Structure formats: structure tokens, C-alpha cells
Amino acid sequence: MPALESRSLDWLATAPVRIEASRDMAVGAAAAFAVIADHERWPDWFAQLKRVEVTGAPTGVGGQRRVTLGGVVVDEVFIAWETDRLFAFTVTHATRPMAKAMVEALQVEPLADDRCRVTYTQALEPHGWMKPMVPVMRRTMRSMLTKALNGLEQAARR
């Protein structure tokens, strides 16, 4: 599997392409994070994911997992893990990489009345041949993240 450049959480702020979606949820931060941290449940709320398999430690910085998205398989390493608050990873390998580097983060912010806001951010550095597709990719990925956050809230309410 081809390697991508591993990046730190700080790279989110300076990545060439950044896509973000947020949702205020009628569940507490702990309930939302519990679903996020349950790797095998991701396909239940993130429709594009077909399978998630833990390949290293299941929690904490340095943990690893393999994700299948249709015909693409990616390996991820956690670069941030703050229970009930932050879950982030860098993609280290992909069967068909469209980017040189990619980081994703889910930030969970407690709100009043046992509610929370979850912000899902994807940051990437596309290969040169992908640059003309960035505007379409932004719309597609933002829509995908919005739907995933809707699914996350439904899963956390069950």
C-alpha cells in the first residue's frame, strides 16, 4: 500500500485543503465520543465506510486502525485522543491515495443542557493531478461529513 506523509494535529491549521462540518447534537459529549471511539460502529453512522478494523492499540495516541471505504483501504494512526473531547488521526497508507497527506479530527465541545457540538475536519494536501478536482471534492466531502454527523447523533441517541 502506498505511503502518505504523516502529519501532526497542528497541520490542520495550515493544510492546503481543509473541509469542515459541525453539528449541535441533543446528546452529551460523553455519549457522542463513545460512538466515535467505537471503531467497529463507524459504518453504522458514516455511510461511506464499509469496515473499520483496529490494527494496533484501540485508544490513545499511537493507536491504529484500517478503514475500508468502498474499494479504497486506508491505514490510520491516532495523533490526538482526549476522551470526550478530541479524536484525530493521520492517514499513513492508502491503496489509491489521492493526497500526499491527510489528517482528520473530530472535536467534541460540551454545550448547556447535556448537548454538544461536534466538528469534523478533514485536511489534505492533494496530489498535483487532483488539484483541478478540489472544488468538487470540497462540496462532496462537506456533504459526506454533514451526513456522517447526522448519523453520529442518531447513533449516540440509541
C-alpha atoms as a PDB file:
ATOM      1  CA  MET A   1       0.000   0.000   0.000  1.00  0.00           C
ATOM      2  CA  PRO A   2       1.481   3.401  -0.934  1.00  0.00           C
ATOM      3  CA  ALA A   3       2.540   5.627   1.970  1.00  0.00           C
ATOM      4  CA  LEU A   4       1.266   9.115   2.688  1.00  0.00           C
ATOM      5  CA  GLU A   5       3.218  11.716   4.645  1.00  0.00           C
ATOM      6  CA  SER A   6       2.245  11.556   8.316  1.00  0.00           C
ATOM      7  CA  ARG A   7       1.241  14.924   9.741  1.00  0.00           C
ATOM      8  CA  SER A   8       0.610  16.315  13.222  1.00  0.00           C
ATOM      9  CA  LEU A   9      -2.592  17.826  14.561  1.00  0.00           C
ATOM     10  CA  ASP A  10      -1.090  21.323  14.135  1.00  0.00           C
ATOM     11  CA  TRP A  11      -1.073  20.742  10.374  1.00  0.00           C
ATOM     12  CA  LEU A  12      -4.884  21.110  10.332  1.00  0.00           C
ATOM     13  CA  ALA A  13      -4.436  24.888  10.523  1.00  0.00           C
ATOM     14  CA  THR A  14      -2.025  25.118   7.574  1.00  0.00           C
ATOM     15  CA  ALA A  15      -3.091  22.274   5.260  1.00  0.00           C
ATOM     16  CA  PRO A  16      -3.625  23.299   1.629  1.00  0.00           C
ATOM     17  CA  VAL A  17      -7.209  21.960   1.669  1.00  0.00           C
ATOM     18  CA  ARG A  18      -9.443  21.989   4.730  1.00  0.00           C
ATOM     19  CA  ILE A  19     -13.048  20.782   4.815  1.00  0.00           C
ATOM     20  CA  GLU A  20     -15.205  21.147   7.904  1.00  0.00           C
ATOM     21  CA  ALA A  21     -18.729  20.399   9.082  1.00  0.00           C
ATOM     22  CA  SER A  22     -20.284  20.976  12.526  1.00  0.00           C
ATOM     23  CA  ARG A  23     -23.465  19.846  14.197  1.00  0.00           C
ATOM     24  CA  ASP A  24     -25.056  20.740  17.510  1.00  0.00           C
ATOM     25  CA  MET A  25     -26.362  17.488  18.964  1.00  0.00           C
ATOM     26  CA  ALA A  26     -29.053  16.651  21.506  1.00  0.00           C
ATOM     27  CA  VAL A  27     -26.631  14.313  23.315  1.00  0.00           C
ATOM     28  CA  GLY A  28     -23.840  14.919  25.789  1.00  0.00           C
ATOM     29  CA  ALA A  29     -20.167  14.975  24.839  1.00  0.00           C
ATOM     30  CA  ALA A  30     -19.535  11.610  26.523  1.00  0.00           C
ATOM     31  CA  ALA A  31     -22.307   9.912  24.509  1.00  0.00           C
ATOM     32  CA  ALA A  32     -21.044  11.351  21.205  1.00  0.00           C
ATOM     33  CA  PHE A  33     -17.429  10.462  21.960  1.00  0.00           C
ATOM     34  CA  ALA A  34     -18.365   6.904  22.984  1.00  0.00           C
ATOM     35  CA  VAL A  35     -19.752   6.333  19.484  1.00  0.00           C
ATOM     36  CA  ILE A  36     -16.711   7.968  17.842  1.00  0.00           C
ATOM     37  CA  ALA A  37     -14.346   5.799  19.902  1.00  0.00           C
ATOM     38  CA  ASP A  38     -16.236   2.592  18.998  1.00  0.00           C
ATOM     39  CA  HIS A  39     -14.337   1.901  15.782  1.00  0.00           C
ATOM     40  CA  GLU A  40     -16.408  -1.019  14.549  1.00  0.00           C
ATOM     41  CA  ARG A  41     -19.592   1.118  14.767  1.00  0.00           C
ATOM     42  CA  TRP A  42     -18.360   3.769  12.315  1.00  0.00           C
ATOM     43  CA  PRO A  43     -20.045   2.113   9.300  1.00  0.00           C
ATOM     44  CA  ASP A  44     -23.363   2.333  11.210  1.00  0.00           C
ATOM     45  CA  TRP A  45     -23.257   6.149  11.121  1.00  0.00           C
ATOM     46  CA  PHE A  46     -20.726   7.022   8.386  1.00  0.00           C
ATOM     47  CA  ALA A  47     -22.343   5.570   5.265  1.00  0.00           C
ATOM     48  CA  GLN A  48     -19.238   5.608   3.029  1.00  0.00           C
ATOM     49  CA  LEU A  49     -17.301   3.372   5.417  1.00  0.00           C
ATOM     50  CA  LYS A  50     -17.677  -0.342   4.832  1.00  0.00           C
ATOM     51  CA  ARG A  51     -15.420  -1.676   7.566  1.00  0.00           C
ATOM     52  CA  VAL A  52     -13.175  -0.453  10.391  1.00  0.00           C
ATOM     53  CA  GLU A  53     -10.642  -2.822  11.927  1.00  0.00           C
ATOM     54  CA  VAL A  54      -8.404  -1.999  14.891  1.00  0.00           C
ATOM     55  CA  THR A  55      -4.822  -2.953  13.942  1.00  0.00           C
ATOM     56  CA  GLY A  56      -2.943  -1.598  16.956  1.00  0.00           C
ATOM     57  CA  ALA A  57      -3.936  -0.103  20.281  1.00  0.00           C
ATOM     58  CA  PRO A  58      -7.662   0.775  20.110  1.00  0.00           C
ATOM     59  CA  THR A  59      -7.296   4.047  22.019  1.00  0.00           C
ATOM     60  CA  GLY A  60      -4.775   6.776  22.631  1.00  0.00           C
ATOM     61  CA  VAL A  61      -2.078   8.476  20.617  1.00  0.00           C
ATOM     62  CA  GLY A  62      -0.282   5.887  18.500  1.00  0.00           C
ATOM     63  CA  GLY A  63      -3.338   3.626  18.197  1.00  0.00           C
ATOM     64  CA  GLN A  64      -4.026   2.269  14.722  1.00  0.00           C
ATOM     65  CA  ARG A  65      -6.875   1.133  12.540  1.00  0.00           C
ATOM     66  CA  ARG A  66      -7.610   0.127   8.947  1.00  0.00           C
ATOM     67  CA  VAL A  67     -10.665   1.610   7.229  1.00  0.00           C
ATOM     68  CA  THR A  68     -12.368   0.345   4.068  1.00  0.00           C
ATOM     69  CA  LEU A  69     -14.263   2.976   2.053  1.00  0.00           C
ATOM     70  CA  GLY A  70     -15.772   1.203  -0.921  1.00  0.00           C
ATOM     71  CA  GLY A  71     -12.770  -0.038  -2.900  1.00  0.00           C
ATOM     72  CA  VAL A  72     -10.185   2.028  -1.024  1.00  0.00           C
ATOM     73  CA  VAL A  73      -8.392   0.851   2.108  1.00  0.00           C
ATOM     74  CA  VAL A  74      -6.525   3.310   4.346  1.00  0.00           C
ATOM     75  CA  ASP A  75      -4.365   2.878   7.433  1.00  0.00           C
ATOM     76  CA  GLU A  76      -4.692   5.498  10.175  1.00  0.00           C
ATOM     77  CA  VAL A  77      -2.651   6.350  13.259  1.00  0.00           C
ATOM     78  CA  PHE A  78      -4.170   8.401  16.084  1.00  0.00           C
ATOM     79  CA  ILE A  79      -2.330  11.672  16.659  1.00  0.00           C
ATOM     80  CA  ALA A  80      -4.694  13.029  19.334  1.00  0.00           C
ATOM     81  CA  TRP A  81      -7.017  11.303  21.774  1.00  0.00           C
ATOM     82  CA  GLU A  82      -8.668  13.245  24.563  1.00  0.00           C
ATOM     83  CA  THR A  83     -11.634  11.297  25.901  1.00  0.00           C
ATOM     84  CA  ASP A  84     -14.963  13.116  25.401  1.00  0.00           C
ATOM     85  CA  ARG A  85     -13.144  15.959  23.609  1.00  0.00           C
ATOM     86  CA  LEU A  86     -10.853  15.134  20.655  1.00  0.00           C
ATOM     87  CA  PHE A  87     -10.201  12.232  18.281  1.00  0.00           C
ATOM     88  CA  ALA A  88      -7.725  12.738  15.425  1.00  0.00           C
ATOM     89  CA  PHE A  89      -5.639  10.643  13.070  1.00  0.00           C
ATOM     90  CA  THR A  90      -3.237  10.907  10.171  1.00  0.00           C
ATOM     91  CA  VAL A  91      -3.611   8.616   7.178  1.00  0.00           C
ATOM     92  CA  THR A  92      -0.352   6.703   6.731  1.00  0.00           C
ATOM     93  CA  HIS A  93      -1.155   4.417   3.778  1.00  0.00           C
ATOM     94  CA  ALA A  94      -3.871   4.079   1.132  1.00  0.00           C
ATOM     95  CA  THR A  95      -4.496   1.642  -1.671  1.00  0.00           C
ATOM     96  CA  ARG A  96      -5.350   4.551  -4.009  1.00  0.00           C
ATOM     97  CA  PRO A  97      -4.006   7.752  -2.456  1.00  0.00           C
ATOM     98  CA  MET A  98      -5.491  10.962  -3.856  1.00  0.00           C
ATOM     99  CA  ALA A  99      -3.454  13.033  -1.428  1.00  0.00           C
ATOM    100  CA  LYS A 100       0.153  13.342  -0.320  1.00  0.00           C
ATOM    101  CA  ALA A 101      -1.005  13.816   3.290  1.00  0.00           C
ATOM    102  CA  MET A 102      -4.303  13.705   5.185  1.00  0.00           C
ATOM    103  CA  VAL A 103      -5.410  14.397   8.753  1.00  0.00           C
ATOM    104  CA  GLU A 104      -8.917  14.123  10.177  1.00  0.00           C
ATOM    105  CA  ALA A 105     -10.156  15.362  13.542  1.00  0.00           C
ATOM    106  CA  LEU A 106     -13.419  15.221  15.452  1.00  0.00           C
ATOM    107  CA  GLN A 107     -13.675  17.901  18.136  1.00  0.00           C
ATOM    108  CA  VAL A 108     -16.444  17.458  20.723  1.00  0.00           C
ATOM    109  CA  GLU A 109     -17.492  20.574  22.636  1.00  0.00           C
ATOM    110  CA  PRO A 110     -19.919  20.336  25.580  1.00  0.00           C
ATOM    111  CA  LEU A 111     -22.880  22.712  25.446  1.00  0.00           C
ATOM    112  CA  ALA A 112     -25.566  23.552  28.015  1.00  0.00           C
ATOM    113  CA  ASP A 113     -28.421  21.147  28.764  1.00  0.00           C
ATOM    114  CA  ASP A 114     -26.391  17.952  28.108  1.00  0.00           C
ATOM    115  CA  ARG A 115     -25.848  18.838  24.465  1.00  0.00           C
ATOM    116  CA  CYS A 116     -22.654  19.031  22.459  1.00  0.00           C
ATOM    117  CA  ARG A 117     -21.228  20.358  19.212  1.00  0.00           C
ATOM    118  CA  VAL A 118     -19.153  18.005  17.072  1.00  0.00           C
ATOM    119  CA  THR A 119     -16.891  19.468  14.404  1.00  0.00           C
ATOM    120  CA  TYR A 120     -15.405  17.093  11.852  1.00  0.00           C
ATOM    121  CA  THR A 121     -12.396  18.464   9.980  1.00  0.00           C
ATOM    122  CA  GLN A 122     -10.562  16.852   7.076  1.00  0.00           C
ATOM    123  CA  ALA A 123      -7.283  18.389   5.953  1.00  0.00           C
ATOM    124  CA  LEU A 124      -5.277  17.231   2.997  1.00  0.00           C
ATOM    125  CA  GLU A 125      -2.572  18.016   0.514  1.00  0.00           C
ATOM    126  CA  PRO A 126      -3.806  16.725  -2.851  1.00  0.00           C
ATOM    127  CA  HIS A 127      -1.501  15.309  -5.490  1.00  0.00           C
ATOM    128  CA  GLY A 128      -0.961  17.730  -8.374  1.00  0.00           C
ATOM    129  CA  TRP A 129      -3.249  15.784 -10.695  1.00  0.00           C
ATOM    130  CA  MET A 130      -6.084  16.147  -8.108  1.00  0.00           C
ATOM    131  CA  LYS A 131      -5.846  19.936  -7.755  1.00  0.00           C
ATOM    132  CA  PRO A 132      -8.390  20.684 -10.523  1.00  0.00           C
ATOM    133  CA  MET A 133     -10.883  18.477  -8.657  1.00  0.00           C
ATOM    134  CA  VAL A 134     -10.565  20.329  -5.317  1.00  0.00           C
ATOM    135  CA  PRO A 135     -13.766  22.439  -5.693  1.00  0.00           C
ATOM    136  CA  VAL A 136     -15.863  19.341  -6.420  1.00  0.00           C
ATOM    137  CA  MET A 137     -14.047  17.400  -3.714  1.00  0.00           C
ATOM    138  CA  ARG A 138     -14.823  20.137  -1.155  1.00  0.00           C
ATOM    139  CA  ARG A 139     -18.562  20.004  -1.889  1.00  0.00           C
ATOM    140  CA  THR A 140     -18.661  16.213  -1.923  1.00  0.00           C
ATOM    141  CA  MET A 141     -16.655  15.793   1.259  1.00  0.00           C
ATOM    142  CA  ARG A 142     -18.555  18.524   3.146  1.00  0.00           C
ATOM    143  CA  SER A 143     -21.837  16.809   2.241  1.00  0.00           C
ATOM    144  CA  MET A 144     -20.405  13.445   3.316  1.00  0.00           C
ATOM    145  CA  LEU A 145     -19.250  14.869   6.665  1.00  0.00           C
ATOM    146  CA  THR A 146     -22.622  16.554   7.271  1.00  0.00           C
ATOM    147  CA  LYS A 147     -24.440  13.266   6.674  1.00  0.00           C
ATOM    148  CA  ALA A 148     -21.964  11.435   8.904  1.00  0.00           C
ATOM    149  CA  LEU A 149     -22.555  13.901  11.746  1.00  0.00           C
ATOM    150  CA  ASN A 150     -26.312  13.419  11.381  1.00  0.00           C
ATOM    151  CA  GLY A 151     -25.728   9.677  11.615  1.00  0.00           C
ATOM    152  CA  LEU A 152     -23.434  10.140  14.612  1.00  0.00           C
ATOM    153  CA  GLU A 153     -26.140  11.969  16.530  1.00  0.00           C
ATOM    154  CA  GLN A 154     -28.701   9.259  15.728  1.00  0.00           C
ATOM    155  CA  ALA A 155     -26.261   6.533  16.825  1.00  0.00           C
ATOM    156  CA  ALA A 156     -25.479   8.389  20.083  1.00  0.00           C
ATOM    157  CA  ARG A 157     -29.183   8.735  20.882  1.00  0.00           C
ATOM    158  CA  ARG A 158     -29.763   4.961  20.674  1.00  0.00           C
END
